[in-house]
Amino acid sequence: MSTPIADHSTLTDRYQTTVPASIRRALKLKRRDRIHYSVRSNGEVVFSSASNETKHGPVMVNFLNFLERDLLVYPESICPVTAGSFVEVECLIAGMEADLEEVLEENDDE
């Protein structure tokens, strides 16, 4: 396990700040890179390279952020995936077919 990196910076009168060198190195940030901030319900801020967002797409990133927030708020809902979980899913989707190559209309209400 790597050692956690912590650092600080100061806001200017125009609410700007410099990302400390230790954080830039850890995130492999370069000049003009975009950064992403995510504020959790407990006030904790997650700061990351926005290149990850592009890599996964904004919808996936938002979905994963939703899951993360939900699990932080409701940790009791975390449970292991078991063989029974797969059987339950198979029962739920029995008889359903999906064409994963089908192009969906932008306003498809079906």
C-alpha atoms as a PDB file:
ATOM      1  CA  MET A   1       0.000   0.000   0.000  1.00  0.00           C
ATOM      2  CA  SER A   2       1.377   3.424  -0.914  1.00  0.00           C
ATOM      3  CA  THR A   3       1.750   6.243   1.584  1.00  0.00           C
ATOM      4  CA  PRO A   4      -1.138   8.738   1.446  1.00  0.00           C
ATOM      5  CA  ILE A   5      -0.208  12.135   0.068  1.00  0.00           C
ATOM      6  CA  ALA A   6      -1.572  15.237   1.767  1.00  0.00           C
ATOM      7  CA  ASP A   7      -0.737  18.859   1.055  1.00  0.00           C
ATOM      8  CA  HIS A   8      -2.368  22.266   1.191  1.00  0.00           C
ATOM      9  CA  SER A   9      -2.646  25.487  -0.776  1.00  0.00           C
ATOM     10  CA  THR A  10      -4.124  28.954  -0.303  1.00  0.00           C
ATOM     11  CA  LEU A  11      -6.967  30.668  -2.166  1.00  0.00           C
ATOM     12  CA  THR A  12      -6.154  34.011  -3.740  1.00  0.00           C
ATOM     13  CA  ASP A  13      -8.513  37.000  -3.682  1.00  0.00           C
ATOM     14  CA  ARG A  14      -9.880  35.681  -6.986  1.00  0.00           C
ATOM     15  CA  TYR A  15     -10.533  32.192  -5.474  1.00  0.00           C
ATOM     16  CA  GLN A  16      -7.652  30.655  -7.413  1.00  0.00           C
ATOM     17  CA  THR A  17      -5.052  28.274  -6.053  1.00  0.00           C
ATOM     18  CA  THR A  18      -1.936  26.449  -7.154  1.00  0.00           C
ATOM     19  CA  VAL A  19      -2.050  22.654  -7.053  1.00  0.00           C
ATOM     20  CA  PRO A  20       0.897  21.619  -4.883  1.00  0.00           C
ATOM     21  CA  ALA A  21       3.744  19.862  -6.692  1.00  0.00           C
ATOM     22  CA  SER A  22       3.268  16.675  -4.636  1.00  0.00           C
ATOM     23  CA  ILE A  23      -0.357  16.416  -5.804  1.00  0.00           C
ATOM     24  CA  ARG A  24       0.537  17.254  -9.426  1.00  0.00           C
ATOM     25  CA  ARG A  25       3.127  14.483  -9.430  1.00  0.00           C
ATOM     26  CA  ALA A  26       0.784  11.951  -7.799  1.00  0.00           C
ATOM     27  CA  LEU A  27      -1.967  12.663 -10.358  1.00  0.00           C
ATOM     28  CA  LYS A  28       0.502  13.110 -13.234  1.00  0.00           C
ATOM     29  CA  LEU A  29      -1.018  16.515 -13.998  1.00  0.00           C
ATOM     30  CA  LYS A  30       0.503  18.711 -16.674  1.00  0.00           C
ATOM     31  CA  ARG A  31      -0.091  22.335 -17.646  1.00  0.00           C
ATOM     32  CA  ARG A  32      -3.596  22.956 -19.020  1.00  0.00           C
ATOM     33  CA  ASP A  33      -4.892  19.564 -17.762  1.00  0.00           C
ATOM     34  CA  ARG A  34      -8.449  19.574 -16.506  1.00  0.00           C
ATOM     35  CA  ILE A  35      -9.221  18.566 -12.937  1.00  0.00           C
ATOM     36  CA  HIS A  36     -12.406  17.237 -11.390  1.00  0.00           C
ATOM     37  CA  TYR A  37     -13.789  17.983  -7.902  1.00  0.00           C
ATOM     38  CA  SER A  38     -16.392  15.802  -6.225  1.00  0.00           C
ATOM     39  CA  VAL A  39     -17.827  16.888  -2.861  1.00  0.00           C
ATOM     40  CA  ARG A  40     -19.100  14.025  -0.718  1.00  0.00           C
ATOM     41  CA  SER A  41     -22.000  14.353   1.714  1.00  0.00           C
ATOM     42  CA  ASN A  42     -19.579  14.438   4.673  1.00  0.00           C
ATOM     43  CA  GLY A  43     -17.811  17.515   3.214  1.00  0.00           C
ATOM     44  CA  GLU A  44     -14.825  15.556   1.961  1.00  0.00           C
ATOM     45  CA  VAL A  45     -13.587  16.682  -1.457  1.00  0.00           C
ATOM     46  CA  VAL A  46     -12.177  14.230  -3.983  1.00  0.00           C
ATOM     47  CA  PHE A  47      -9.821  15.879  -6.448  1.00  0.00           C
ATOM     48  CA  SER A  48      -8.862  13.911  -9.549  1.00  0.00           C
ATOM     49  CA  SER A  49      -7.567  14.278 -13.055  1.00  0.00           C
ATOM     50  CA  ALA A  50     -10.488  14.928 -15.409  1.00  0.00           C
ATOM     51  CA  SER A  51      -8.800  12.720 -18.015  1.00  0.00           C
ATOM     52  CA  ASN A  52     -10.331   9.745 -16.154  1.00  0.00           C
ATOM     53  CA  GLU A  53     -13.749  11.262 -16.814  1.00  0.00           C
ATOM     54  CA  THR A  54     -13.069  11.399 -20.552  1.00  0.00           C
ATOM     55  CA  LYS A  55     -11.735   7.858 -20.534  1.00  0.00           C
ATOM     56  CA  HIS A  56     -14.895   6.483 -18.910  1.00  0.00           C
ATOM     57  CA  GLY A  57     -17.409   8.986 -20.269  1.00  0.00           C
ATOM     58  CA  PRO A  58     -19.415  11.469 -18.199  1.00  0.00           C
ATOM     59  CA  VAL A  59     -22.449   9.176 -17.835  1.00  0.00           C
ATOM     60  CA  MET A  60     -20.359   6.350 -16.401  1.00  0.00           C
ATOM     61  CA  VAL A  61     -18.480   8.730 -14.101  1.00  0.00           C
ATOM     62  CA  ASN A  62     -21.759  10.203 -12.814  1.00  0.00           C
ATOM     63  CA  PHE A  63     -23.187   6.721 -12.280  1.00  0.00           C
ATOM     64  CA  LEU A  64     -20.097   5.573 -10.380  1.00  0.00           C
ATOM     65  CA  ASN A  65     -20.163   8.771  -8.288  1.00  0.00           C
ATOM     66  CA  PHE A  66     -23.842   8.073  -7.499  1.00  0.00           C
ATOM     67  CA  LEU A  67     -22.968   4.533  -6.382  1.00  0.00           C
ATOM     68  CA  GLU A  68     -20.104   5.815  -4.256  1.00  0.00           C
ATOM     69  CA  ARG A  69     -22.316   8.413  -2.518  1.00  0.00           C
ATOM     70  CA  ASP A  70     -25.065   5.837  -1.960  1.00  0.00           C
ATOM     71  CA  LEU A  71     -22.642   3.346  -0.418  1.00  0.00           C
ATOM     72  CA  LEU A  72     -21.182   6.041   1.838  1.00  0.00           C
ATOM     73  CA  VAL A  73     -24.639   7.054   3.068  1.00  0.00           C
ATOM     74  CA  TYR A  74     -26.009   3.484   3.331  1.00  0.00           C
ATOM     75  CA  PRO A  75     -23.013   1.249   4.142  1.00  0.00           C
ATOM     76  CA  GLU A  76     -25.372  -1.353   5.598  1.00  0.00           C
ATOM     77  CA  SER A  77     -26.608  -2.057   2.071  1.00  0.00           C
ATOM     78  CA  ILE A  78     -23.211  -3.466   1.046  1.00  0.00           C
ATOM     79  CA  CYS A  79     -23.408  -7.225   0.724  1.00  0.00           C
ATOM     80  CA  PRO A  80     -21.382  -9.858  -1.106  1.00  0.00           C
ATOM     81  CA  VAL A  81     -22.371 -11.123  -4.531  1.00  0.00           C
ATOM     82  CA  THR A  82     -23.142 -14.803  -4.160  1.00  0.00           C
ATOM     83  CA  ALA A  83     -24.113 -17.630  -6.493  1.00  0.00           C
ATOM     84  CA  GLY A  84     -27.669 -16.985  -5.320  1.00  0.00           C
ATOM     85  CA  SER A  85     -27.400 -13.406  -6.593  1.00  0.00           C
ATOM     86  CA  PHE A  86     -26.663 -14.702 -10.087  1.00  0.00           C
ATOM     87  CA  VAL A  87     -29.598 -17.149  -9.910  1.00  0.00           C
ATOM     88  CA  GLU A  88     -31.880 -14.270  -8.869  1.00  0.00           C
ATOM     89  CA  VAL A  89     -30.717 -12.128 -11.798  1.00  0.00           C
ATOM     90  CA  GLU A  90     -31.164 -15.022 -14.230  1.00  0.00           C
ATOM     91  CA  CYS A  91     -34.768 -15.444 -13.002  1.00  0.00           C
ATOM     92  CA  LEU A  92     -35.427 -11.713 -13.438  1.00  0.00           C
ATOM     93  CA  ILE A  93     -34.197 -11.666 -17.050  1.00  0.00           C
ATOM     94  CA  ALA A  94     -35.488 -15.077 -18.128  1.00  0.00           C
ATOM     95  CA  GLY A  95     -37.065 -14.867 -21.583  1.00  0.00           C
ATOM     96  CA  MET A  96     -35.753 -11.366 -22.277  1.00  0.00           C
ATOM     97  CA  GLU A  97     -33.701 -10.677 -25.364  1.00  0.00           C
ATOM     98  CA  ALA A  98     -31.655  -7.585 -26.164  1.00  0.00           C
ATOM     99  CA  ASP A  99     -29.890  -6.534 -29.336  1.00  0.00           C
ATOM    100  CA  LEU A 100     -26.766  -4.837 -28.017  1.00  0.00           C
ATOM    101  CA  GLU A 101     -25.953  -3.577 -31.524  1.00  0.00           C
ATOM    102  CA  GLU A 102     -29.327  -1.842 -31.997  1.00  0.00           C
ATOM    103  CA  VAL A 103     -29.028   1.910 -32.510  1.00  0.00           C
ATOM    104  CA  LEU A 104     -31.470   3.713 -30.223  1.00  0.00           C
ATOM    105  CA  GLU A 105     -33.351   6.801 -31.313  1.00  0.00           C
ATOM    106  CA  GLU A 106     -32.450   9.890 -29.338  1.00  0.00           C
ATOM    107  CA  ASN A 107     -36.064  10.287 -28.120  1.00  0.00           C
ATOM    108  CA  ASP A 108     -36.807   6.567 -27.825  1.00  0.00           C
ATOM    109  CA  ASP A 109     -39.544   6.170 -25.180  1.00  0.00           C
ATOM    110  CA  GLU A 110     -39.780   2.378 -25.427  1.00  0.00           C
END
